[in-house]
Amino acid sequence: MNLIPDSNWLKVLDIKGTIAAAVTAACVVILLLAEYDLLYLGGLPIGVRAFFVIFGIIAFFILLGRLWEAFSASQKESKAKKAEERSLQRQREEDEADVEEQRITTLSFLDTLSEVETEILSYLVQKNQQSFQGEASGGHAAPLKQKGLIKIGSGIQRQNDCSFTIPPYVWEELQNRKDEFNTADLTGPHPWRVHWMLN
């Protein structure tokens, strides 16, 4: 007699949770019907009746295993999602801190401007002009561009007619310090243009 079980029988342990649930329910229903004499199993061999019990128990534990696997997977997914959200939140906070630090650094340049730089910003403040046109290099305003106090505008720009703008947070600070930027000569040429740029 071959005591080694056929490998095909072991596949019963790999049935899906829905099948395990159906088998468990079927075995329970059959046993309950027999218990209350609604189904006669007396004519069946004891082995067949034992089969319903044993197979029902196996199916029940397989069902429990599948439920546990589903629960564990759900928990892992939930933890992974929370970890990702925390990571994104930390990254956002770090990015915001970096932006704020950069803004503080940029605004600090307003306290160490050259005479020409002060003249350019004074002209724009007095004209209430947050943007201006100039050479792409920036002309005399090039140091302001390097410091982040002005930026090239959006859209397509031309080499000899480039749009520059003062970032909103810099412009707000300039508005708060208008008294410091009121020395520009509004009757002369644009102070950011070098002599060879003038028409």
Protein backbone atom coordinates (compact mmCIF):
# COMPACT_ATOMS: atom_id res chain seq x y z
CA MET A 1 0.00 0.00 0.00
CA ASN A 2 1.41 3.38 -1.00
CA LEU A 3 1.44 5.62 2.09
CA ILE A 4 2.82 8.64 0.24
CA PRO A 5 -0.10 10.95 -0.59
CA ASP A 6 -0.70 11.93 -4.17
CA SER A 7 0.61 15.44 -4.77
CA ASN A 8 -2.66 16.34 -6.48
CA TRP A 9 -4.46 15.96 -3.15
CA LEU A 10 -2.22 18.61 -1.63
CA LYS A 11 -3.68 21.16 -4.05
CA VAL A 12 -6.78 21.23 -1.87
CA LEU A 13 -4.73 23.29 0.60
CA ASP A 14 -4.30 25.98 -2.04
CA ILE A 15 -7.95 26.65 -2.75
CA LYS A 16 -9.22 30.22 -2.80
CA GLY A 17 -10.92 31.79 0.17
CA THR A 18 -14.28 31.97 -1.60
CA ILE A 19 -14.16 28.26 -2.40
CA ALA A 20 -13.08 27.45 1.16
CA ALA A 21 -15.99 29.50 2.48
CA ALA A 22 -18.44 27.70 0.18
CA VAL A 23 -17.13 24.26 1.14
CA THR A 24 -17.21 25.13 4.85
CA ALA A 25 -20.77 26.44 4.57
CA ALA A 26 -21.89 23.37 2.63
CA CYS A 27 -20.39 20.97 5.18
CA VAL A 28 -21.94 22.89 8.07
CA VAL A 29 -25.36 22.92 6.39
CA ILE A 30 -25.21 19.19 5.69
CA LEU A 31 -24.20 18.37 9.26
CA LEU A 32 -26.88 20.65 10.71
CA LEU A 33 -29.55 19.12 8.51
CA ALA A 34 -28.44 15.68 9.64
CA GLU A 35 -28.37 16.76 13.27
CA TYR A 36 -31.99 17.90 13.12
CA ASP A 37 -33.10 14.89 11.09
CA LEU A 38 -33.79 17.01 8.04
CA LEU A 39 -31.27 15.03 6.05
CA TYR A 40 -30.73 11.32 6.53
CA LEU A 41 -27.11 10.24 6.52
CA GLY A 42 -27.60 6.99 8.40
CA GLY A 43 -27.23 4.96 5.23
CA LEU A 44 -23.84 6.46 4.47
CA PRO A 45 -20.67 4.80 5.66
CA ILE A 46 -19.05 6.35 8.71
CA GLY A 47 -16.11 7.25 6.52
CA VAL A 48 -18.27 9.44 4.29
CA ARG A 49 -19.74 11.24 7.26
CA ALA A 50 -16.27 11.69 8.70
CA PHE A 51 -15.22 13.10 5.34
CA PHE A 52 -17.78 15.91 5.66
CA VAL A 53 -16.48 16.76 9.12
CA ILE A 54 -12.76 16.59 8.30
CA PHE A 55 -13.05 18.34 4.96
CA GLY A 56 -15.27 21.01 6.51
CA ILE A 57 -12.68 21.61 9.24
CA ILE A 58 -9.87 21.81 6.66
CA ALA A 59 -11.86 24.21 4.52
CA PHE A 60 -12.70 26.29 7.59
CA PHE A 61 -9.04 26.71 8.56
CA ILE A 62 -8.10 27.45 4.98
CA LEU A 63 -10.77 30.16 5.03
CA LEU A 64 -9.30 31.56 8.24
CA GLY A 65 -5.85 31.54 6.63
CA ARG A 66 -7.10 33.41 3.56
CA LEU A 67 -8.88 35.95 5.76
CA TRP A 68 -5.70 36.46 7.77
CA GLU A 69 -3.65 36.88 4.61
CA ALA A 70 -6.12 39.47 3.31
CA PHE A 71 -6.09 41.29 6.66
CA SER A 72 -2.27 41.25 6.83
CA ALA A 73 -1.98 42.53 3.27
CA SER A 74 -4.45 45.30 4.06
CA GLN A 75 -2.49 46.26 7.18
CA LYS A 76 0.81 46.29 5.27
CA GLU A 77 -0.72 48.41 2.52
CA SER A 78 -2.16 50.80 5.09
CA LYS A 79 1.18 51.10 6.90
CA ALA A 80 3.03 51.61 3.61
CA LYS A 81 0.55 54.30 2.58
CA LYS A 82 0.87 56.08 5.92
CA ALA A 83 4.66 55.89 5.72
CA GLU A 84 4.54 57.35 2.20
CA GLU A 85 2.24 60.15 3.35
CA ARG A 86 4.57 60.95 6.26
CA SER A 87 7.52 60.98 3.89
CA LEU A 88 5.73 63.31 1.47
CA GLN A 89 4.70 65.57 4.35
CA ARG A 90 8.30 65.77 5.59
CA GLN A 91 9.47 66.52 2.05
CA ARG A 92 6.87 69.29 1.70
CA GLU A 93 7.91 70.78 5.03
CA GLU A 94 11.58 70.63 4.04
CA ASP A 95 10.81 72.22 0.66
CA GLU A 96 8.79 74.97 2.34
CA ALA A 97 11.62 75.57 4.81
CA ASP A 98 14.13 75.75 1.94
CA VAL A 99 11.93 78.22 0.06
CA GLU A 100 11.48 80.37 3.16
CA GLU A 101 15.23 80.32 3.84
CA GLN A 102 15.92 81.30 0.23
CA ARG A 103 13.45 84.17 0.47
CA ILE A 104 15.04 85.44 3.65
CA THR A 105 18.47 85.31 1.97
CA THR A 106 17.16 87.11 -1.11
CA LEU A 107 15.48 89.87 0.90
CA SER A 108 18.67 90.39 2.91
CA PHE A 109 20.34 91.61 -0.32
CA LEU A 110 18.12 94.70 -0.16
CA ASP A 111 20.32 95.90 2.71
CA THR A 112 23.56 95.68 0.72
CA LEU A 113 22.64 97.14 -2.66
CA SER A 114 25.04 99.13 -4.78
CA GLU A 115 24.15 102.66 -5.84
CA VAL A 116 23.12 101.48 -9.33
CA GLU A 117 21.01 98.64 -7.93
CA THR A 118 19.26 101.03 -5.57
CA GLU A 119 18.65 103.42 -8.46
CA ILE A 120 17.02 100.66 -10.54
CA LEU A 121 14.73 99.46 -7.76
CA SER A 122 13.90 103.04 -6.77
CA TYR A 123 12.89 103.80 -10.35
CA LEU A 124 10.57 100.80 -10.45
CA VAL A 125 9.07 101.49 -7.02
CA GLN A 126 8.44 105.15 -7.81
CA LYS A 127 6.90 104.20 -11.13
CA ASN A 128 4.90 101.46 -9.39
CA GLN A 129 6.26 99.18 -12.09
CA GLN A 130 6.86 95.56 -11.07
CA SER A 131 8.25 94.52 -14.47
CA PHE A 132 10.37 96.06 -17.21
CA GLN A 133 11.90 95.30 -20.60
CA GLY A 134 15.62 95.15 -21.23
CA GLU A 135 18.57 93.29 -22.70
CA ALA A 136 18.52 89.55 -21.89
CA SER A 137 21.80 89.93 -20.01
CA GLY A 138 20.07 92.36 -17.68
CA GLY A 139 22.42 95.26 -18.31
CA HIS A 140 23.05 97.14 -15.08
CA ALA A 141 20.31 94.98 -13.49
CA ALA A 142 22.33 91.77 -13.97
CA PRO A 143 23.49 91.72 -10.31
CA LEU A 144 19.85 92.02 -9.21
CA LYS A 145 19.05 88.98 -11.36
CA GLN A 146 21.92 87.02 -9.83
CA LYS A 147 20.65 87.86 -6.34
CA GLY A 148 17.11 86.75 -7.19
CA LEU A 149 15.65 90.25 -6.73
CA ILE A 150 14.45 90.20 -10.34
CA LYS A 151 13.66 87.26 -12.61
CA ILE A 152 13.19 86.75 -16.33
CA GLY A 153 9.49 86.75 -17.12
CA SER A 154 7.55 83.83 -18.55
CA GLY A 155 6.93 83.29 -22.23
CA ILE A 156 9.18 83.62 -25.26
CA GLN A 157 11.87 86.25 -24.79
CA ARG A 158 13.99 88.12 -27.33
CA GLN A 159 17.67 88.84 -26.83
CA ASN A 160 17.28 92.61 -27.13
CA ASP A 161 13.81 92.85 -25.62
CA CYS A 162 13.53 90.58 -22.61
CA SER A 163 10.91 90.84 -19.90
CA PHE A 164 12.01 91.01 -16.26
CA THR A 165 9.82 90.98 -13.19
CA ILE A 166 10.25 91.44 -9.46
CA PRO A 167 9.02 88.39 -7.50
CA PRO A 168 5.84 89.14 -5.51
CA TYR A 169 7.46 88.69 -2.08
CA VAL A 170 10.31 91.07 -3.06
CA TRP A 171 7.84 93.58 -4.46
CA GLU A 172 5.83 93.45 -1.23
CA GLU A 173 8.97 94.15 0.79
CA LEU A 174 9.84 97.06 -1.51
CA GLN A 175 6.35 98.50 -1.01
CA ASN A 176 6.87 98.29 2.76
CA ARG A 177 10.17 100.17 2.40
CA LYS A 178 9.17 102.80 -0.13
CA ASP A 179 10.88 105.53 1.84
CA GLU A 180 14.22 103.84 1.19
CA PHE A 181 13.64 103.63 -2.56
CA ASN A 182 12.64 107.15 -3.60
CA THR A 183 15.88 108.54 -5.00
CA ALA A 184 15.57 107.67 -8.70
CA ASP A 185 15.73 110.25 -11.49
CA LEU A 186 12.47 109.59 -13.31
CA THR A 187 13.30 112.00 -16.14
CA GLY A 188 16.41 110.19 -17.39
CA PRO A 189 16.82 106.95 -19.34
CA HIS A 190 16.01 103.59 -17.82
CA PRO A 191 18.71 103.03 -15.21
CA TRP A 192 19.14 99.33 -16.06
CA ARG A 193 20.22 100.04 -19.65
CA VAL A 194 23.91 100.56 -20.44
CA HIS A 195 24.76 103.34 -22.86
CA TRP A 196 24.99 101.15 -25.97
CA MET A 197 21.49 99.78 -25.25
CA LEU A 198 19.92 103.20 -25.45
CA ASN A 199 18.06 104.12 -28.61
